[in-house]
Amino acid sequence: MPDLKVMPIREVSLSDIAGMLRRLADAIEHGEHEGIRGLVVVLDAPAMPVFGFGDAPPAVAGELLACAHLKMIRARLGAYGLEL
């Protein structure tokens, strides 16, 4: 009989927000994401705080959010065979 073992698909659950942020930070430090100028984080909390990090000017945070929104809309439309 072959020697089988269980391999985790993810090291951290997607619902573990702090763990996923640590995983992203590790990936950035290990060079898995190159050319990063900035990062924007929006918390799903009552005050909906927005944090921007990096060398990019503050206006870039708004552009990053707009680009992310457009990317998500395109993915959603693509799931129905539609384009924007």
C-alpha atoms as a PDB file:
ATOM      1  CA  MET A   1       0.000   0.000   0.000  1.00  0.00           C
ATOM      2  CA  PRO A   2       1.396   3.471  -0.821  1.00  0.00           C
ATOM      3  CA  ASP A   3       2.389   5.810   1.983  1.00  0.00           C
ATOM      4  CA  LEU A   4      -0.349   8.479   1.858  1.00  0.00           C
ATOM      5  CA  LYS A   5      -0.540  11.657   3.874  1.00  0.00           C
ATOM      6  CA  VAL A   6      -2.914  14.599   4.138  1.00  0.00           C
ATOM      7  CA  MET A   7      -1.592  17.821   2.610  1.00  0.00           C
ATOM      8  CA  PRO A   8      -3.246  21.077   3.644  1.00  0.00           C
ATOM      9  CA  ILE A   9      -4.522  23.158   0.733  1.00  0.00           C
ATOM     10  CA  ARG A  10      -3.993  26.342   2.703  1.00  0.00           C
ATOM     11  CA  GLU A  11      -1.771  26.963   5.677  1.00  0.00           C
ATOM     12  CA  VAL A  12      -4.171  29.631   6.912  1.00  0.00           C
ATOM     13  CA  SER A  13      -7.959  29.762   6.709  1.00  0.00           C
ATOM     14  CA  LEU A  14      -9.362  32.603   4.585  1.00  0.00           C
ATOM     15  CA  SER A  15     -11.482  33.578   7.595  1.00  0.00           C
ATOM     16  CA  ASP A  16      -8.297  34.177   9.658  1.00  0.00           C
ATOM     17  CA  ILE A  17      -7.795  37.808   8.632  1.00  0.00           C
ATOM     18  CA  ALA A  18      -4.663  38.421  10.692  1.00  0.00           C
ATOM     19  CA  GLY A  19      -3.143  35.146   9.480  1.00  0.00           C
ATOM     20  CA  MET A  20      -3.861  35.988   5.840  1.00  0.00           C
ATOM     21  CA  LEU A  21      -2.288  39.436   6.278  1.00  0.00           C
ATOM     22  CA  ARG A  22       0.810  37.795   7.788  1.00  0.00           C
ATOM     23  CA  ARG A  23       0.913  35.377   4.859  1.00  0.00           C
ATOM     24  CA  LEU A  24       0.696  38.281   2.389  1.00  0.00           C
ATOM     25  CA  ALA A  25       3.475  40.121   4.248  1.00  0.00           C
ATOM     26  CA  ASP A  26       5.652  36.996   4.114  1.00  0.00           C
ATOM     27  CA  ALA A  27       5.005  36.642   0.374  1.00  0.00           C
ATOM     28  CA  ILE A  28       5.971  40.286  -0.198  1.00  0.00           C
ATOM     29  CA  GLU A  29       9.151  39.886   1.867  1.00  0.00           C
ATOM     30  CA  HIS A  30      10.074  36.749  -0.107  1.00  0.00           C
ATOM     31  CA  GLY A  31       9.707  38.589  -3.425  1.00  0.00           C
ATOM     32  CA  GLU A  32       6.577  36.782  -4.626  1.00  0.00           C
ATOM     33  CA  HIS A  33       5.022  40.135  -5.599  1.00  0.00           C
ATOM     34  CA  GLU A  34       7.464  42.368  -7.448  1.00  0.00           C
ATOM     35  CA  GLY A  35       7.236  46.070  -8.209  1.00  0.00           C
ATOM     36  CA  ILE A  36       4.904  46.961  -5.362  1.00  0.00           C
ATOM     37  CA  ARG A  37       4.638  50.721  -4.799  1.00  0.00           C
ATOM     38  CA  GLY A  38       1.742  50.714  -2.397  1.00  0.00           C
ATOM     39  CA  LEU A  39      -0.919  48.730  -0.599  1.00  0.00           C
ATOM     40  CA  VAL A  40      -4.454  49.655   0.430  1.00  0.00           C
ATOM     41  CA  VAL A  41      -6.413  47.843   3.132  1.00  0.00           C
ATOM     42  CA  VAL A  42     -10.120  48.437   3.768  1.00  0.00           C
ATOM     43  CA  LEU A  43     -11.568  46.956   6.930  1.00  0.00           C
ATOM     44  CA  ASP A  44     -15.149  45.702   6.949  1.00  0.00           C
ATOM     45  CA  ALA A  45     -15.838  47.397  10.267  1.00  0.00           C
ATOM     46  CA  PRO A  46     -18.393  49.989  11.414  1.00  0.00           C
ATOM     47  CA  ALA A  47     -16.176  52.994  10.593  1.00  0.00           C
ATOM     48  CA  MET A  48     -14.766  51.254   7.460  1.00  0.00           C
ATOM     49  CA  PRO A  49     -11.198  52.460   8.045  1.00  0.00           C
ATOM     50  CA  VAL A  50      -8.910  52.638   5.011  1.00  0.00           C
ATOM     51  CA  PHE A  51      -5.144  52.288   5.352  1.00  0.00           C
ATOM     52  CA  GLY A  52      -2.559  53.073   2.708  1.00  0.00           C
ATOM     53  CA  PHE A  53       1.063  51.941   2.890  1.00  0.00           C
ATOM     54  CA  GLY A  54       4.116  52.412   0.698  1.00  0.00           C
ATOM     55  CA  ASP A  55       5.843  55.062  -1.378  1.00  0.00           C
ATOM     56  CA  ALA A  56       2.878  55.887  -3.599  1.00  0.00           C
ATOM     57  CA  PRO A  57       1.166  59.257  -3.084  1.00  0.00           C
ATOM     58  CA  PRO A  58      -2.214  59.233  -1.254  1.00  0.00           C
ATOM     59  CA  ALA A  59      -4.157  59.716  -4.496  1.00  0.00           C
ATOM     60  CA  VAL A  60      -2.868  56.329  -5.668  1.00  0.00           C
ATOM     61  CA  ALA A  61      -4.868  54.648  -2.885  1.00  0.00           C
ATOM     62  CA  GLY A  62      -8.086  55.766  -4.563  1.00  0.00           C
ATOM     63  CA  GLU A  63      -6.816  54.590  -7.939  1.00  0.00           C
ATOM     64  CA  LEU A  64      -5.877  51.194  -6.485  1.00  0.00           C
ATOM     65  CA  LEU A  65      -9.370  50.802  -5.034  1.00  0.00           C
ATOM     66  CA  ALA A  66     -10.969  51.820  -8.348  1.00  0.00           C
ATOM     67  CA  CYS A  67      -8.779  49.363 -10.286  1.00  0.00           C
ATOM     68  CA  ALA A  68      -9.554  46.572  -7.825  1.00  0.00           C
ATOM     69  CA  HIS A  69     -13.269  47.304  -8.161  1.00  0.00           C
ATOM     70  CA  LEU A  70     -13.061  47.193 -11.949  1.00  0.00           C
ATOM     71  CA  LYS A  71     -11.112  43.910 -11.811  1.00  0.00           C
ATOM     72  CA  MET A  72     -13.782  42.354  -9.582  1.00  0.00           C
ATOM     73  CA  ILE A  73     -16.594  43.591 -11.841  1.00  0.00           C
ATOM     74  CA  ARG A  74     -14.861  42.128 -14.917  1.00  0.00           C
ATOM     75  CA  ALA A  75     -14.396  38.789 -13.144  1.00  0.00           C
ATOM     76  CA  ARG A  76     -18.062  38.758 -12.130  1.00  0.00           C
ATOM     77  CA  LEU A  77     -19.211  39.582 -15.658  1.00  0.00           C
ATOM     78  CA  GLY A  78     -16.813  37.019 -17.105  1.00  0.00           C
ATOM     79  CA  ALA A  79     -18.460  34.343 -14.996  1.00  0.00           C
ATOM     80  CA  TYR A  80     -21.610  35.010 -17.057  1.00  0.00           C
ATOM     81  CA  GLY A  81     -19.758  35.211 -20.366  1.00  0.00           C
ATOM     82  CA  LEU A  82     -20.048  38.989 -20.484  1.00  0.00           C
ATOM     83  CA  GLU A  83     -17.421  41.713 -20.945  1.00  0.00           C
ATOM     84  CA  LEU A  84     -17.060  45.302 -19.832  1.00  0.00           C
END
